[in-house]
Amino acid sequence: MATKTTAENDIAEDELEPVADETAHQAQRVVAAYASDADECRMLLSMLGIGPANKID
């Protein structure tokens, strides 16, 4: 059963912190392993904010 979404559960954009490089790399490997093709992999990585275009130098 899904939890009820309320304003109390919302997280402000400025409260989010970027994940560590090693954590992002591990997550990328898992997504790549389970994605059905390259387009799905790119989409999922982008949705998670860990795609190559999201990399901050």
N, C-alpha and C. Protein backbone atom coordinates (compact mmCIF):
# COMPACT_ATOMS: atom_id res chain seq x y z
N MET A 1 0.85 -1.17 0.00
CA MET A 1 0.00 0.00 0.00
C MET A 1 0.90 1.24 0.00
N ALA A 2 0.60 2.18 -0.87
CA ALA A 2 1.40 3.40 -0.98
C ALA A 2 1.12 4.33 0.19
N THR A 3 2.16 5.05 0.59
CA THR A 3 1.98 6.02 1.66
C THR A 3 1.32 7.28 1.11
N LYS A 4 0.60 7.96 1.96
CA LYS A 4 -0.08 9.18 1.55
C LYS A 4 0.95 10.30 1.43
N THR A 5 0.91 11.02 0.33
CA THR A 5 1.83 12.13 0.10
C THR A 5 1.23 13.40 0.66
N THR A 6 2.00 14.08 1.47
CA THR A 6 1.56 15.35 2.04
C THR A 6 2.67 16.36 1.90
N ALA A 7 2.37 17.59 2.18
CA ALA A 7 3.38 18.65 2.13
C ALA A 7 4.48 18.39 3.15
N GLU A 8 4.16 17.68 4.22
CA GLU A 8 5.16 17.38 5.25
C GLU A 8 6.24 16.44 4.73
N ASN A 9 5.91 15.61 3.74
CA ASN A 9 6.85 14.64 3.19
C ASN A 9 7.72 15.23 2.07
N ASP A 10 7.38 16.41 1.57
CA ASP A 10 8.12 17.00 0.47
C ASP A 10 9.51 17.42 0.92
N ILE A 11 10.48 17.24 0.03
CA ILE A 11 11.85 17.63 0.30
C ILE A 11 12.20 18.79 -0.62
N ALA A 12 12.68 19.87 -0.04
CA ALA A 12 13.06 21.04 -0.84
C ALA A 12 14.32 20.73 -1.64
N GLU A 13 14.43 21.31 -2.82
CA GLU A 13 15.57 21.08 -3.71
C GLU A 13 16.89 21.40 -3.01
N ASP A 14 16.91 22.44 -2.21
CA ASP A 14 18.17 22.82 -1.54
C ASP A 14 18.54 21.89 -0.39
N GLU A 15 17.64 20.99 0.01
CA GLU A 15 17.93 20.03 1.07
C GLU A 15 18.60 18.77 0.53
N LEU A 16 18.58 18.60 -0.81
CA LEU A 16 19.18 17.41 -1.42
C LEU A 16 20.68 17.59 -1.55
N GLU A 17 21.41 16.52 -1.27
CA GLU A 17 22.86 16.55 -1.40
C GLU A 17 23.27 15.57 -2.49
N PRO A 18 24.30 15.92 -3.27
CA PRO A 18 24.75 14.99 -4.30
C PRO A 18 25.35 13.73 -3.66
N VAL A 19 25.21 12.62 -4.36
CA VAL A 19 25.77 11.37 -3.84
C VAL A 19 27.27 11.35 -4.11
N ALA A 20 27.97 10.57 -3.32
CA ALA A 20 29.41 10.43 -3.50
C ALA A 20 29.70 9.77 -4.85
N ASP A 21 30.86 10.07 -5.42
CA ASP A 21 31.23 9.52 -6.72
C ASP A 21 31.19 8.00 -6.72
N GLU A 22 31.69 7.37 -5.68
CA GLU A 22 31.71 5.91 -5.62
C GLU A 22 30.30 5.35 -5.56
N THR A 23 29.41 5.99 -4.83
CA THR A 23 28.02 5.55 -4.74
C THR A 23 27.35 5.68 -6.10
N ALA A 24 27.58 6.80 -6.78
CA ALA A 24 27.00 7.01 -8.10
C ALA A 24 27.53 5.97 -9.08
N HIS A 25 28.82 5.68 -9.02
CA HIS A 25 29.42 4.69 -9.92
C HIS A 25 28.80 3.31 -9.69
N GLN A 26 28.61 2.93 -8.45
CA GLN A 26 28.00 1.64 -8.14
C GLN A 26 26.55 1.59 -8.64
N ALA A 27 25.83 2.68 -8.45
CA ALA A 27 24.43 2.73 -8.91
C ALA A 27 24.37 2.66 -10.43
N GLN A 28 25.31 3.31 -11.12
CA GLN A 28 25.35 3.25 -12.57
C GLN A 28 25.56 1.82 -13.06
N ARG A 29 26.43 1.09 -12.39
CA ARG A 29 26.69 -0.30 -12.78
C ARG A 29 25.45 -1.17 -12.59
N VAL A 30 24.72 -0.97 -11.50
CA VAL A 30 23.51 -1.76 -11.25
C VAL A 30 22.45 -1.44 -12.30
N VAL A 31 22.25 -0.15 -12.57
CA VAL A 31 21.26 0.24 -13.58
C VAL A 31 21.64 -0.34 -14.94
N ALA A 32 22.91 -0.24 -15.30
CA ALA A 32 23.36 -0.76 -16.60
C ALA A 32 23.14 -2.27 -16.69
N ALA A 33 23.33 -2.97 -15.58
CA ALA A 33 23.16 -4.42 -15.58
C ALA A 33 21.70 -4.83 -15.80
N TYR A 34 20.78 -4.05 -15.30
CA TYR A 34 19.37 -4.42 -15.37
C TYR A 34 18.59 -3.74 -16.50
N ALA A 35 19.15 -2.72 -17.12
CA ALA A 35 18.45 -2.04 -18.21
C ALA A 35 18.37 -2.96 -19.42
N SER A 36 17.27 -2.86 -20.15
CA SER A 36 17.06 -3.74 -21.30
C SER A 36 17.85 -3.29 -22.52
N ASP A 37 18.17 -1.99 -22.61
CA ASP A 37 18.98 -1.49 -23.72
C ASP A 37 19.62 -0.16 -23.31
N ALA A 38 20.43 0.39 -24.21
CA ALA A 38 21.17 1.61 -23.89
C ALA A 38 20.25 2.80 -23.65
N ASP A 39 19.16 2.90 -24.43
CA ASP A 39 18.23 4.02 -24.24
C ASP A 39 17.56 3.97 -22.86
N GLU A 40 17.16 2.79 -22.44
CA GLU A 40 16.55 2.65 -21.12
C GLU A 40 17.58 2.99 -20.03
N CYS A 41 18.80 2.54 -20.22
CA CYS A 41 19.86 2.82 -19.25
C CYS A 41 20.07 4.33 -19.12
N ARG A 42 20.18 5.04 -20.25
CA ARG A 42 20.35 6.50 -20.21
C ARG A 42 19.18 7.18 -19.52
N MET A 43 17.95 6.72 -19.83
CA MET A 43 16.77 7.31 -19.23
C MET A 43 16.77 7.13 -17.71
N LEU A 44 17.05 5.91 -17.26
CA LEU A 44 17.04 5.63 -15.82
C LEU A 44 18.14 6.41 -15.09
N LEU A 45 19.33 6.45 -15.68
CA LEU A 45 20.42 7.21 -15.06
C LEU A 45 20.07 8.69 -14.96
N SER A 46 19.44 9.20 -16.00
CA SER A 46 19.03 10.60 -15.99
C SER A 46 17.97 10.86 -14.92
N MET A 47 17.01 9.94 -14.80
CA MET A 47 15.96 10.08 -13.79
C MET A 47 16.55 10.07 -12.38
N LEU A 48 17.59 9.28 -12.18
CA LEU A 48 18.23 9.20 -10.87
C LEU A 48 19.21 10.34 -10.62
N GLY A 49 19.49 11.11 -11.68
CA GLY A 49 20.42 12.23 -11.53
C GLY A 49 21.88 11.79 -11.49
N ILE A 50 22.17 10.62 -12.05
CA ILE A 50 23.54 10.11 -12.04
C ILE A 50 24.04 9.79 -13.44
N GLY A 51 23.38 10.36 -14.44
CA GLY A 51 23.81 10.14 -15.82
C GLY A 51 25.05 10.93 -16.14
N PRO A 52 25.70 10.63 -17.26
CA PRO A 52 26.92 11.32 -17.64
C PRO A 52 26.71 12.82 -17.83
N ALA A 53 25.53 13.24 -18.29
CA ALA A 53 25.25 14.67 -18.48
C ALA A 53 25.08 15.39 -17.14
N ASN A 54 24.81 14.67 -16.06
CA ASN A 54 24.59 15.26 -14.74
C ASN A 54 25.87 15.40 -13.95
N LYS A 55 26.98 14.95 -14.48
CA LYS A 55 28.26 14.97 -13.76
C LYS A 55 28.72 16.41 -13.59
N ILE A 56 29.05 16.76 -12.36
CA ILE A 56 29.51 18.11 -12.04
C ILE A 56 31.01 18.05 -11.79
N ASP A 57 31.77 18.87 -12.52
CA ASP A 57 33.22 18.88 -12.35
C ASP A 57 33.66 19.94 -11.38
